[in-house]
Amino acid sequence: MRTLVVHCHPDPGSFTAAVRDRVVETLRARGDELRVTDLYAEGFNPVLSVEERRRHLEPGPDPSVAHHAEDLKWCQHLVLVYPTWWSGPPAMLKGWIDRVWVRDVAFDLPSESNRVHAKLRNVRRITVVTTHGSSKLVNAIEGEAGKRLVTRTLRAVCHPLVRTRWLACYGMDTATEQERTAFLDRVAAKLR
């Protein structure tokens, strides 16, 4: 399977980086063809410029993010690895979505229609591996905005039968080393 792993955390020594490493190791062992993107290490600019916003109904991404769009159109499995902050993905990842998931990459909007048509039909699976500082209960009460972004919005422009998987480590702020290790093992088992 062609798999794109997108990692988003500013600290290369973070637990999220350890999660990314376990994800990559597991997918390679499974035999996937991988492309790995580390948004912070790359210095990705998440800011949607005025020019990009004005052209948002024109086809194609800004040339500065064209390689990200090609990776997205290439993959069959998208894996997002990030911490959940304030109920959603980091601004860097949200900016990646804003700038890369554009017309003629993720969707089309025919002139005779006011409904978008999915273009990422190559994406058959989306997996999110994330951490939450708070408990699962607190996240449920807050409405799980990050989970809805993936399972409703991103999913809508992928293959009609796309499957989503949400792997979350809740209570990260107080998790023990044993709980963190157990989460890494659970991620590996689910991805195998």
N, C-alpha and C. Protein backbone atom coordinates (compact mmCIF):
# COMPACT_ATOMS: atom_id res chain seq x y z
N MET A 1 0.84 -1.18 0.00
CA MET A 1 0.00 0.00 0.00
C MET A 1 0.88 1.24 0.00
N ARG A 2 0.49 2.25 -0.76
CA ARG A 2 1.19 3.53 -0.78
C ARG A 2 0.68 4.37 0.39
N THR A 3 1.56 4.65 1.34
CA THR A 3 1.16 5.33 2.57
C THR A 3 1.92 6.62 2.76
N LEU A 4 1.18 7.68 3.04
CA LEU A 4 1.75 8.98 3.38
C LEU A 4 1.56 9.21 4.87
N VAL A 5 2.66 9.41 5.58
CA VAL A 5 2.62 9.72 7.00
C VAL A 5 2.94 11.20 7.15
N VAL A 6 2.03 11.94 7.76
CA VAL A 6 2.24 13.37 8.01
C VAL A 6 2.34 13.55 9.52
N HIS A 7 3.52 14.02 9.95
CA HIS A 7 3.81 14.21 11.37
C HIS A 7 3.83 15.70 11.67
N CYS A 8 3.25 16.07 12.82
CA CYS A 8 3.19 17.49 13.17
C CYS A 8 3.40 17.67 14.67
N HIS A 9 4.62 18.00 15.04
CA HIS A 9 4.94 18.36 16.43
C HIS A 9 6.24 19.16 16.40
N PRO A 10 6.32 20.26 17.16
CA PRO A 10 7.52 21.10 17.10
C PRO A 10 8.75 20.50 17.76
N ASP A 11 8.57 19.55 18.69
CA ASP A 11 9.70 19.01 19.44
C ASP A 11 10.12 17.65 18.88
N PRO A 12 11.31 17.56 18.28
CA PRO A 12 11.75 16.28 17.71
C PRO A 12 11.98 15.19 18.76
N GLY A 13 12.03 15.55 20.04
CA GLY A 13 12.19 14.58 21.11
C GLY A 13 10.89 14.25 21.84
N SER A 14 9.78 14.64 21.27
CA SER A 14 8.48 14.46 21.93
C SER A 14 7.99 13.01 21.85
N PHE A 15 6.98 12.72 22.66
CA PHE A 15 6.34 11.41 22.58
C PHE A 15 5.68 11.26 21.21
N THR A 16 5.16 12.32 20.65
CA THR A 16 4.55 12.27 19.32
C THR A 16 5.58 11.83 18.28
N ALA A 17 6.82 12.25 18.43
CA ALA A 17 7.88 11.79 17.51
C ALA A 17 8.13 10.30 17.70
N ALA A 18 8.06 9.83 18.94
CA ALA A 18 8.21 8.38 19.19
C ALA A 18 7.06 7.61 18.55
N VAL A 19 5.87 8.19 18.60
CA VAL A 19 4.70 7.57 17.95
C VAL A 19 4.95 7.49 16.44
N ARG A 20 5.41 8.60 15.86
CA ARG A 20 5.72 8.61 14.42
C ARG A 20 6.72 7.53 14.07
N ASP A 21 7.77 7.41 14.87
CA ASP A 21 8.79 6.40 14.60
C ASP A 21 8.21 5.00 14.64
N ARG A 22 7.34 4.73 15.60
CA ARG A 22 6.72 3.40 15.70
C ARG A 22 5.79 3.16 14.51
N VAL A 23 5.06 4.18 14.10
CA VAL A 23 4.18 4.07 12.94
C VAL A 23 5.00 3.73 11.69
N VAL A 24 6.06 4.47 11.45
CA VAL A 24 6.90 4.26 10.27
C VAL A 24 7.53 2.87 10.31
N GLU A 25 8.06 2.48 11.45
CA GLU A 25 8.67 1.15 11.60
C GLU A 25 7.66 0.04 11.29
N THR A 26 6.46 0.18 11.81
CA THR A 26 5.42 -0.84 11.62
C THR A 26 4.98 -0.91 10.16
N LEU A 27 4.79 0.24 9.54
CA LEU A 27 4.33 0.25 8.15
C LEU A 27 5.41 -0.28 7.21
N ARG A 28 6.67 0.05 7.48
CA ARG A 28 7.77 -0.51 6.66
C ARG A 28 7.83 -2.02 6.80
N ALA A 29 7.69 -2.52 8.04
CA ALA A 29 7.72 -3.97 8.27
C ALA A 29 6.55 -4.66 7.57
N ARG A 30 5.45 -3.96 7.45
CA ARG A 30 4.26 -4.49 6.77
C ARG A 30 4.46 -4.52 5.26
N GLY A 31 5.43 -3.75 4.77
CA GLY A 31 5.72 -3.73 3.34
C GLY A 31 5.14 -2.54 2.59
N ASP A 32 4.62 -1.56 3.31
CA ASP A 32 4.06 -0.38 2.64
C ASP A 32 5.17 0.42 1.95
N GLU A 33 4.80 1.07 0.86
CA GLU A 33 5.66 2.05 0.21
C GLU A 33 5.37 3.37 0.91
N LEU A 34 6.38 3.97 1.54
CA LEU A 34 6.15 5.12 2.42
C LEU A 34 6.72 6.42 1.89
N ARG A 35 5.99 7.48 2.20
CA ARG A 35 6.50 8.84 2.12
C ARG A 35 6.17 9.45 3.48
N VAL A 36 7.17 10.10 4.09
CA VAL A 36 6.99 10.67 5.42
C VAL A 36 7.25 12.17 5.34
N THR A 37 6.31 12.93 5.87
CA THR A 37 6.43 14.38 5.92
C THR A 37 6.43 14.82 7.37
N ASP A 38 7.42 15.62 7.75
CA ASP A 38 7.48 16.21 9.09
C ASP A 38 7.33 17.71 8.89
N LEU A 39 6.14 18.21 9.17
CA LEU A 39 5.82 19.61 8.84
C LEU A 39 6.73 20.60 9.55
N TYR A 40 7.00 20.39 10.84
CA TYR A 40 7.87 21.33 11.56
C TYR A 40 9.31 21.24 11.08
N ALA A 41 9.83 20.02 10.90
CA ALA A 41 11.22 19.86 10.45
C ALA A 41 11.42 20.49 9.08
N GLU A 42 10.39 20.42 8.25
CA GLU A 42 10.46 20.99 6.91
C GLU A 42 10.33 22.51 6.93
N GLY A 43 9.78 23.06 8.00
CA GLY A 43 9.52 24.49 8.06
C GLY A 43 8.31 24.88 7.24
N PHE A 44 7.32 23.96 7.18
CA PHE A 44 6.11 24.22 6.40
C PHE A 44 5.46 25.53 6.85
N ASN A 45 5.06 26.35 5.89
CA ASN A 45 4.38 27.60 6.20
C ASN A 45 2.87 27.34 6.18
N PRO A 46 2.21 27.35 7.35
CA PRO A 46 0.79 27.04 7.41
C PRO A 46 -0.13 28.20 7.04
N VAL A 47 0.44 29.36 6.80
CA VAL A 47 -0.38 30.55 6.58
C VAL A 47 -0.95 30.58 5.17
N LEU A 48 -2.26 30.60 5.10
CA LEU A 48 -2.95 30.76 3.82
C LEU A 48 -2.87 32.24 3.46
N SER A 49 -2.16 32.56 2.40
CA SER A 49 -1.95 33.96 2.03
C SER A 49 -3.22 34.56 1.43
N VAL A 50 -3.24 35.86 1.37
CA VAL A 50 -4.35 36.58 0.74
C VAL A 50 -4.49 36.12 -0.70
N GLU A 51 -3.36 35.99 -1.39
CA GLU A 51 -3.37 35.56 -2.79
C GLU A 51 -3.99 34.16 -2.93
N GLU A 52 -3.57 33.22 -2.05
CA GLU A 52 -4.14 31.87 -2.11
C GLU A 52 -5.64 31.90 -1.83
N ARG A 53 -6.05 32.69 -0.87
CA ARG A 53 -7.48 32.77 -0.53
C ARG A 53 -8.27 33.33 -1.71
N ARG A 54 -7.74 34.31 -2.38
CA ARG A 54 -8.44 34.89 -3.53
C ARG A 54 -8.55 33.89 -4.68
N ARG A 55 -7.58 32.96 -4.76
CA ARG A 55 -7.58 31.97 -5.83
C ARG A 55 -8.19 30.63 -5.41
N HIS A 56 -8.86 30.58 -4.26
CA HIS A 56 -9.27 29.28 -3.72
C HIS A 56 -10.23 28.50 -4.63
N LEU A 57 -10.91 29.16 -5.54
CA LEU A 57 -11.78 28.43 -6.47
C LEU A 57 -11.10 28.12 -7.80
N GLU A 58 -9.86 28.56 -7.93
CA GLU A 58 -9.08 28.20 -9.12
C GLU A 58 -8.43 26.84 -8.86
N PRO A 59 -8.22 26.06 -9.92
CA PRO A 59 -7.64 24.73 -9.71
C PRO A 59 -6.17 24.76 -9.32
N GLY A 60 -5.79 23.82 -8.46
CA GLY A 60 -4.39 23.59 -8.13
C GLY A 60 -3.90 24.35 -6.92
N PRO A 61 -2.88 23.78 -6.28
CA PRO A 61 -2.31 24.41 -5.09
C PRO A 61 -1.29 25.48 -5.45
N ASP A 62 -0.92 26.25 -4.47
CA ASP A 62 0.18 27.19 -4.61
C ASP A 62 1.44 26.38 -4.95
N PRO A 63 2.29 26.86 -5.85
CA PRO A 63 3.49 26.10 -6.23
C PRO A 63 4.38 25.69 -5.04
N SER A 64 4.35 26.47 -3.98
CA SER A 64 5.21 26.16 -2.82
C SER A 64 4.75 24.90 -2.08
N VAL A 65 3.52 24.45 -2.30
CA VAL A 65 3.03 23.23 -1.63
C VAL A 65 2.65 22.14 -2.64
N ALA A 66 3.06 22.31 -3.89
CA ALA A 66 2.68 21.36 -4.94
C ALA A 66 3.18 19.94 -4.63
N HIS A 67 4.38 19.80 -4.04
CA HIS A 67 4.88 18.46 -3.72
C HIS A 67 4.02 17.78 -2.65
N HIS A 68 3.43 18.56 -1.75
CA HIS A 68 2.51 18.00 -0.76
C HIS A 68 1.24 17.49 -1.45
N ALA A 69 0.77 18.25 -2.41
CA ALA A 69 -0.42 17.83 -3.16
C ALA A 69 -0.15 16.56 -3.94
N GLU A 70 1.04 16.46 -4.53
CA GLU A 70 1.40 15.24 -5.27
C GLU A 70 1.44 14.03 -4.34
N ASP A 71 2.00 14.21 -3.15
CA ASP A 71 2.02 13.11 -2.17
C ASP A 71 0.61 12.68 -1.80
N LEU A 72 -0.26 13.64 -1.62
CA LEU A 72 -1.65 13.34 -1.25
C LEU A 72 -2.36 12.61 -2.38
N LYS A 73 -2.12 13.01 -3.61
CA LYS A 73 -2.75 12.34 -4.75
C LYS A 73 -2.13 10.96 -5.01
N TRP A 74 -0.93 10.74 -4.51
CA TRP A 74 -0.22 9.47 -4.68
C TRP A 74 -0.70 8.40 -3.69
N CYS A 75 -1.02 8.80 -2.47
CA CYS A 75 -1.23 7.81 -1.40
C CYS A 75 -2.60 7.12 -1.46
N GLN A 76 -2.60 5.92 -0.91
CA GLN A 76 -3.83 5.16 -0.70
C GLN A 76 -4.23 5.19 0.76
N HIS A 77 -3.25 5.39 1.62
CA HIS A 77 -3.46 5.41 3.07
C HIS A 77 -2.79 6.67 3.60
N LEU A 78 -3.55 7.49 4.27
CA LEU A 78 -3.04 8.71 4.88
C LEU A 78 -2.99 8.49 6.39
N VAL A 79 -1.82 8.70 6.98
CA VAL A 79 -1.66 8.57 8.43
C VAL A 79 -1.23 9.93 8.97
N LEU A 80 -2.03 10.47 9.87
CA LEU A 80 -1.74 11.75 10.50
C LEU A 80 -1.30 11.48 11.94
N VAL A 81 -0.13 11.98 12.31
CA VAL A 81 0.40 11.78 13.66
C VAL A 81 0.63 13.16 14.27
N TYR A 82 -0.12 13.47 15.33
CA TYR A 82 -0.04 14.80 15.93
C TYR A 82 -0.65 14.80 17.34
N PRO A 83 -0.32 15.81 18.14
CA PRO A 83 -0.99 15.99 19.43
C PRO A 83 -2.29 16.76 19.21
N THR A 84 -3.27 16.48 20.03
CA THR A 84 -4.50 17.27 19.99
C THR A 84 -4.35 18.40 21.00
N TRP A 85 -4.46 19.62 20.49
CA TRP A 85 -4.36 20.81 21.34
C TRP A 85 -5.64 21.60 21.19
N TRP A 86 -6.24 21.98 22.30
CA TRP A 86 -7.47 22.76 22.29
C TRP A 86 -8.53 22.10 21.39
N SER A 87 -8.67 20.80 21.54
CA SER A 87 -9.69 19.98 20.86
C SER A 87 -9.43 19.72 19.39
N GLY A 88 -8.34 20.17 18.84
CA GLY A 88 -8.10 19.97 17.42
C GLY A 88 -6.63 19.79 17.10
N PRO A 89 -6.33 19.68 15.82
CA PRO A 89 -4.92 19.52 15.42
C PRO A 89 -4.16 20.82 15.62
N PRO A 90 -2.84 20.75 15.71
CA PRO A 90 -2.03 21.97 15.77
C PRO A 90 -2.29 22.86 14.55
N ALA A 91 -2.11 24.15 14.73
CA ALA A 91 -2.34 25.11 13.64
C ALA A 91 -1.53 24.75 12.39
N MET A 92 -0.33 24.21 12.59
CA MET A 92 0.53 23.81 11.47
C MET A 92 -0.18 22.78 10.60
N LEU A 93 -0.80 21.78 11.23
CA LEU A 93 -1.50 20.74 10.46
C LEU A 93 -2.77 21.30 9.82
N LYS A 94 -3.48 22.13 10.54
CA LYS A 94 -4.68 22.75 9.96
C LYS A 94 -4.30 23.61 8.76
N GLY A 95 -3.17 24.30 8.84
CA GLY A 95 -2.68 25.09 7.71
C GLY A 95 -2.30 24.22 6.52
N TRP A 96 -1.75 23.02 6.80
CA TRP A 96 -1.44 22.07 5.73
C TRP A 96 -2.72 21.66 5.02
N ILE A 97 -3.76 21.41 5.78
CA ILE A 97 -5.05 21.05 5.17
C ILE A 97 -5.58 22.24 4.35
N ASP A 98 -5.57 23.42 4.92
CA ASP A 98 -6.07 24.61 4.23
C ASP A 98 -5.34 24.85 2.90
N ARG A 99 -4.04 24.64 2.89
CA ARG A 99 -3.24 24.99 1.71
C ARG A 99 -3.09 23.86 0.70
N VAL A 100 -3.21 22.60 1.15
CA VAL A 100 -2.96 21.46 0.26
C VAL A 100 -4.26 20.82 -0.23
N TRP A 101 -5.27 20.76 0.61
CA TRP A 101 -6.54 20.11 0.24
C TRP A 101 -7.42 21.12 -0.51
N VAL A 102 -6.98 21.51 -1.68
CA VAL A 102 -7.63 22.57 -2.44
C VAL A 102 -8.31 22.02 -3.69
N ARG A 103 -8.96 22.91 -4.41
CA ARG A 103 -9.63 22.53 -5.65
C ARG A 103 -8.63 21.91 -6.63
N ASP A 104 -9.05 20.87 -7.26
CA ASP A 104 -8.28 20.09 -8.22
C ASP A 104 -7.27 19.16 -7.55
N VAL A 105 -7.18 19.20 -6.23
CA VAL A 105 -6.40 18.22 -5.48
C VAL A 105 -7.39 17.36 -4.70
N ALA A 106 -8.12 17.98 -3.77
CA ALA A 106 -9.06 17.24 -2.92
C ALA A 106 -10.49 17.25 -3.47
N PHE A 107 -10.83 18.26 -4.21
CA PHE A 107 -12.20 18.38 -4.69
C PHE A 107 -12.26 19.14 -6.01
N ASP A 108 -13.40 19.04 -6.65
CA ASP A 108 -13.68 19.88 -7.81
C ASP A 108 -15.03 20.52 -7.56
N LEU A 109 -15.25 21.66 -8.16
CA LEU A 109 -16.52 22.35 -8.06
C LEU A 109 -16.95 22.73 -9.47
N PRO A 110 -17.69 21.82 -10.13
CA PRO A 110 -18.12 22.11 -11.50
C PRO A 110 -18.93 23.40 -11.56
N SER A 111 -18.79 24.12 -12.66
CA SER A 111 -19.45 25.43 -12.79
C SER A 111 -20.97 25.32 -12.71
N GLU A 112 -21.53 24.18 -13.11
CA GLU A 112 -22.98 24.02 -13.09
C GLU A 112 -23.51 23.50 -11.75
N SER A 113 -22.63 23.42 -10.75
CA SER A 113 -23.01 22.82 -9.47
C SER A 113 -22.56 23.69 -8.31
N ASN A 114 -23.25 23.53 -7.20
CA ASN A 114 -22.79 24.20 -5.99
C ASN A 114 -22.35 23.16 -4.96
N ARG A 115 -22.09 21.95 -5.44
CA ARG A 115 -21.66 20.84 -4.60
C ARG A 115 -20.28 20.36 -5.02
N VAL A 116 -19.40 20.19 -4.05
CA VAL A 116 -18.05 19.72 -4.39
C VAL A 116 -18.09 18.24 -4.76
N HIS A 117 -17.18 17.86 -5.64
CA HIS A 117 -17.01 16.46 -6.04
C HIS A 117 -15.65 15.99 -5.53
N ALA A 118 -15.64 14.86 -4.88
CA ALA A 118 -14.42 14.30 -4.30
C ALA A 118 -13.41 13.96 -5.39
N LYS A 119 -12.15 14.34 -5.15
CA LYS A 119 -11.08 14.02 -6.11
C LYS A 119 -10.03 13.08 -5.53
N LEU A 120 -10.02 12.89 -4.22
CA LEU A 120 -9.01 12.02 -3.61
C LEU A 120 -9.54 10.59 -3.49
N ARG A 121 -10.05 10.10 -4.57
CA ARG A 121 -10.62 8.75 -4.57
C ARG A 121 -9.54 7.68 -4.39
N ASN A 122 -8.29 8.07 -4.53
CA ASN A 122 -7.17 7.15 -4.28
C ASN A 122 -7.01 6.85 -2.79
N VAL A 123 -7.48 7.75 -1.93
CA VAL A 123 -7.32 7.58 -0.48
C VAL A 123 -8.43 6.65 0.02
N ARG A 124 -8.02 5.43 0.38
CA ARG A 124 -8.95 4.39 0.82
C ARG A 124 -8.97 4.23 2.34
N ARG A 125 -7.98 4.82 3.00
CA ARG A 125 -7.89 4.67 4.45
C ARG A 125 -7.24 5.92 5.04
N ILE A 126 -7.81 6.39 6.14
CA ILE A 126 -7.21 7.49 6.91
C ILE A 126 -7.06 7.01 8.34
N THR A 127 -5.85 7.13 8.85
CA THR A 127 -5.59 6.77 10.25
C THR A 127 -5.05 8.00 10.96
N VAL A 128 -5.61 8.29 12.11
CA VAL A 128 -5.09 9.36 12.95
C VAL A 128 -4.52 8.72 14.21
N VAL A 129 -3.29 9.11 14.55
CA VAL A 129 -2.67 8.69 15.80
C VAL A 129 -2.36 9.98 16.55
N THR A 130 -3.05 10.18 17.67
CA THR A 130 -2.96 11.44 18.36
C THR A 130 -2.92 11.25 19.87
N THR A 131 -2.54 12.31 20.56
CA THR A 131 -2.55 12.32 22.02
C THR A 131 -3.45 13.45 22.49
N HIS A 132 -4.04 13.23 23.64
CA HIS A 132 -4.90 14.25 24.28
C HIS A 132 -4.42 14.42 25.71
N GLY A 133 -4.28 15.64 26.16
CA GLY A 133 -3.90 15.86 27.55
C GLY A 133 -5.00 15.45 28.51
N SER A 134 -6.23 15.59 28.08
CA SER A 134 -7.38 15.30 28.93
C SER A 134 -7.93 13.89 28.67
N SER A 135 -8.93 13.55 29.44
CA SER A 135 -9.54 12.22 29.35
C SER A 135 -10.45 12.10 28.14
N LYS A 136 -10.83 10.87 27.85
CA LYS A 136 -11.78 10.62 26.76
C LYS A 136 -13.12 11.28 27.06
N LEU A 137 -13.54 11.26 28.32
CA LEU A 137 -14.80 11.88 28.71
C LEU A 137 -14.79 13.38 28.44
N VAL A 138 -13.72 14.05 28.83
CA VAL A 138 -13.61 15.50 28.59
C VAL A 138 -13.66 15.77 27.08
N ASN A 139 -12.98 14.96 26.29
CA ASN A 139 -12.99 15.15 24.84
C ASN A 139 -14.39 14.95 24.26
N ALA A 140 -15.10 13.96 24.76
CA ALA A 140 -16.47 13.73 24.30
C ALA A 140 -17.36 14.92 24.64
N ILE A 141 -17.22 15.44 25.84
CA ILE A 141 -18.02 16.60 26.25
C ILE A 141 -17.70 17.81 25.37
N GLU A 142 -16.42 17.97 25.02
CA GLU A 142 -16.00 19.09 24.18
C GLU A 142 -16.46 18.94 22.73
N GLY A 143 -16.88 17.75 22.33
CA GLY A 143 -17.39 17.55 20.97
C GLY A 143 -16.42 16.93 19.99
N GLU A 144 -15.19 16.63 20.41
CA GLU A 144 -14.20 15.97 19.56
C GLU A 144 -14.06 16.61 18.17
N ALA A 145 -13.78 17.90 18.18
CA ALA A 145 -13.68 18.65 16.92
C ALA A 145 -12.63 18.08 15.97
N GLY A 146 -11.48 17.68 16.49
CA GLY A 146 -10.43 17.13 15.64
C GLY A 146 -10.86 15.83 14.97
N LYS A 147 -11.54 14.99 15.73
CA LYS A 147 -12.02 13.72 15.19
C LYS A 147 -13.07 13.97 14.10
N ARG A 148 -13.95 14.92 14.34
CA ARG A 148 -14.97 15.24 13.32
C ARG A 148 -14.35 15.81 12.06
N LEU A 149 -13.29 16.61 12.19
CA LEU A 149 -12.61 17.15 11.01
C LEU A 149 -12.18 16.02 10.08
N VAL A 150 -11.63 14.97 10.67
CA VAL A 150 -11.13 13.85 9.87
C VAL A 150 -12.25 12.95 9.40
N THR A 151 -13.10 12.50 10.32
CA THR A 151 -14.09 11.48 10.00
C THR A 151 -15.29 12.01 9.21
N ARG A 152 -15.46 13.30 9.18
CA ARG A 152 -16.57 13.86 8.40
C ARG A 152 -16.07 14.70 7.22
N THR A 153 -15.22 15.66 7.48
CA THR A 153 -14.83 16.61 6.45
C THR A 153 -13.80 16.05 5.48
N LEU A 154 -12.65 15.61 5.99
CA LEU A 154 -11.62 15.08 5.09
C LEU A 154 -12.12 13.83 4.38
N ARG A 155 -12.81 13.01 5.11
CA ARG A 155 -13.34 11.76 4.55
C ARG A 155 -14.26 12.02 3.34
N ALA A 156 -14.97 13.12 3.37
CA ALA A 156 -15.95 13.42 2.32
C ALA A 156 -15.34 13.63 0.94
N VAL A 157 -14.04 13.93 0.88
CA VAL A 157 -13.42 14.17 -0.42
C VAL A 157 -12.49 13.02 -0.83
N CYS A 158 -12.60 11.91 -0.11
CA CYS A 158 -11.79 10.72 -0.42
C CYS A 158 -12.68 9.67 -1.08
N HIS A 159 -12.16 8.47 -1.25
CA HIS A 159 -12.92 7.37 -1.84
C HIS A 159 -14.24 7.20 -1.08
N PRO A 160 -15.34 6.88 -1.78
CA PRO A 160 -16.63 6.74 -1.09
C PRO A 160 -16.62 5.68 0.01
N LEU A 161 -15.74 4.70 -0.08
CA LEU A 161 -15.69 3.64 0.92
C LEU A 161 -14.47 3.78 1.85
N VAL A 162 -13.92 4.99 1.93
CA VAL A 162 -12.75 5.21 2.78
C VAL A 162 -13.06 4.79 4.22
N ARG A 163 -12.08 4.13 4.82
CA ARG A 163 -12.22 3.75 6.23
C ARG A 163 -11.35 4.66 7.07
N THR A 164 -11.86 5.04 8.23
CA THR A 164 -11.07 5.88 9.13
C THR A 164 -10.81 5.12 10.42
N ARG A 165 -9.65 5.39 11.00
CA ARG A 165 -9.29 4.79 12.28
C ARG A 165 -8.72 5.89 13.16
N TRP A 166 -9.21 5.96 14.40
CA TRP A 166 -8.79 6.97 15.37
C TRP A 166 -8.09 6.26 16.52
N LEU A 167 -6.79 6.46 16.63
CA LEU A 167 -6.00 5.85 17.71
C LEU A 167 -5.52 6.97 18.62
N ALA A 168 -6.08 7.05 19.80
CA ALA A 168 -5.80 8.17 20.69
C ALA A 168 -5.30 7.71 22.05
N CYS A 169 -4.31 8.43 22.54
CA CYS A 169 -3.82 8.25 23.90
C CYS A 169 -4.40 9.39 24.72
N TYR A 170 -5.39 9.08 25.53
CA TYR A 170 -6.03 10.09 26.37
C TYR A 170 -5.29 10.21 27.71
N GLY A 171 -5.39 11.37 28.34
CA GLY A 171 -4.73 11.58 29.63
C GLY A 171 -3.22 11.65 29.52
N MET A 172 -2.74 12.15 28.40
CA MET A 172 -1.30 12.20 28.14
C MET A 172 -0.55 13.00 29.22
N ASP A 173 -1.19 14.02 29.75
CA ASP A 173 -0.52 14.88 30.74
C ASP A 173 -0.13 14.12 32.00
N THR A 174 -0.82 13.03 32.30
CA THR A 174 -0.52 12.25 33.51
C THR A 174 -0.16 10.80 33.20
N ALA A 175 0.03 10.47 31.93
CA ALA A 175 0.33 9.08 31.54
C ALA A 175 1.69 8.64 32.08
N THR A 176 1.73 7.41 32.56
CA THR A 176 2.98 6.83 33.03
C THR A 176 3.78 6.30 31.84
N GLU A 177 5.04 5.97 32.09
CA GLU A 177 5.87 5.38 31.05
C GLU A 177 5.26 4.07 30.55
N GLN A 178 4.70 3.32 31.47
CA GLN A 178 4.06 2.04 31.12
C GLN A 178 2.84 2.27 30.22
N GLU A 179 2.05 3.28 30.51
CA GLU A 179 0.88 3.60 29.68
C GLU A 179 1.30 4.09 28.29
N ARG A 180 2.37 4.84 28.24
CA ARG A 180 2.86 5.33 26.94
C ARG A 180 3.38 4.16 26.09
N THR A 181 4.11 3.27 26.72
CA THR A 181 4.61 2.09 26.01
C THR A 181 3.45 1.23 25.51
N ALA A 182 2.44 1.07 26.36
CA ALA A 182 1.26 0.27 25.97
C ALA A 182 0.57 0.91 24.77
N PHE A 183 0.52 2.24 24.73
CA PHE A 183 -0.09 2.93 23.59
C PHE A 183 0.71 2.68 22.32
N LEU A 184 2.03 2.79 22.40
CA LEU A 184 2.88 2.52 21.24
C LEU A 184 2.65 1.09 20.72
N ASP A 185 2.53 0.15 21.65
CA ASP A 185 2.30 -1.24 21.25
C ASP A 185 0.92 -1.42 20.60
N ARG A 186 -0.06 -0.70 21.13
CA ARG A 186 -1.42 -0.77 20.56
C ARG A 186 -1.44 -0.19 19.15
N VAL A 187 -0.74 0.91 18.94
CA VAL A 187 -0.66 1.52 17.61
C VAL A 187 -0.04 0.53 16.63
N ALA A 188 1.07 -0.09 17.02
CA ALA A 188 1.74 -1.05 16.14
C ALA A 188 0.81 -2.21 15.82
N ALA A 189 0.11 -2.71 16.81
CA ALA A 189 -0.80 -3.85 16.59
C ALA A 189 -1.93 -3.48 15.64
N LYS A 190 -2.49 -2.29 15.79
CA LYS A 190 -3.59 -1.85 14.92
C LYS A 190 -3.12 -1.62 13.48
N LEU A 191 -1.89 -1.16 13.32
CA LEU A 191 -1.39 -0.88 11.97
C LEU A 191 -0.89 -2.14 11.25
N ARG A 192 -0.58 -3.19 11.99
CA ARG A 192 -0.13 -4.43 11.36
C ARG A 192 -1.25 -4.99 10.55
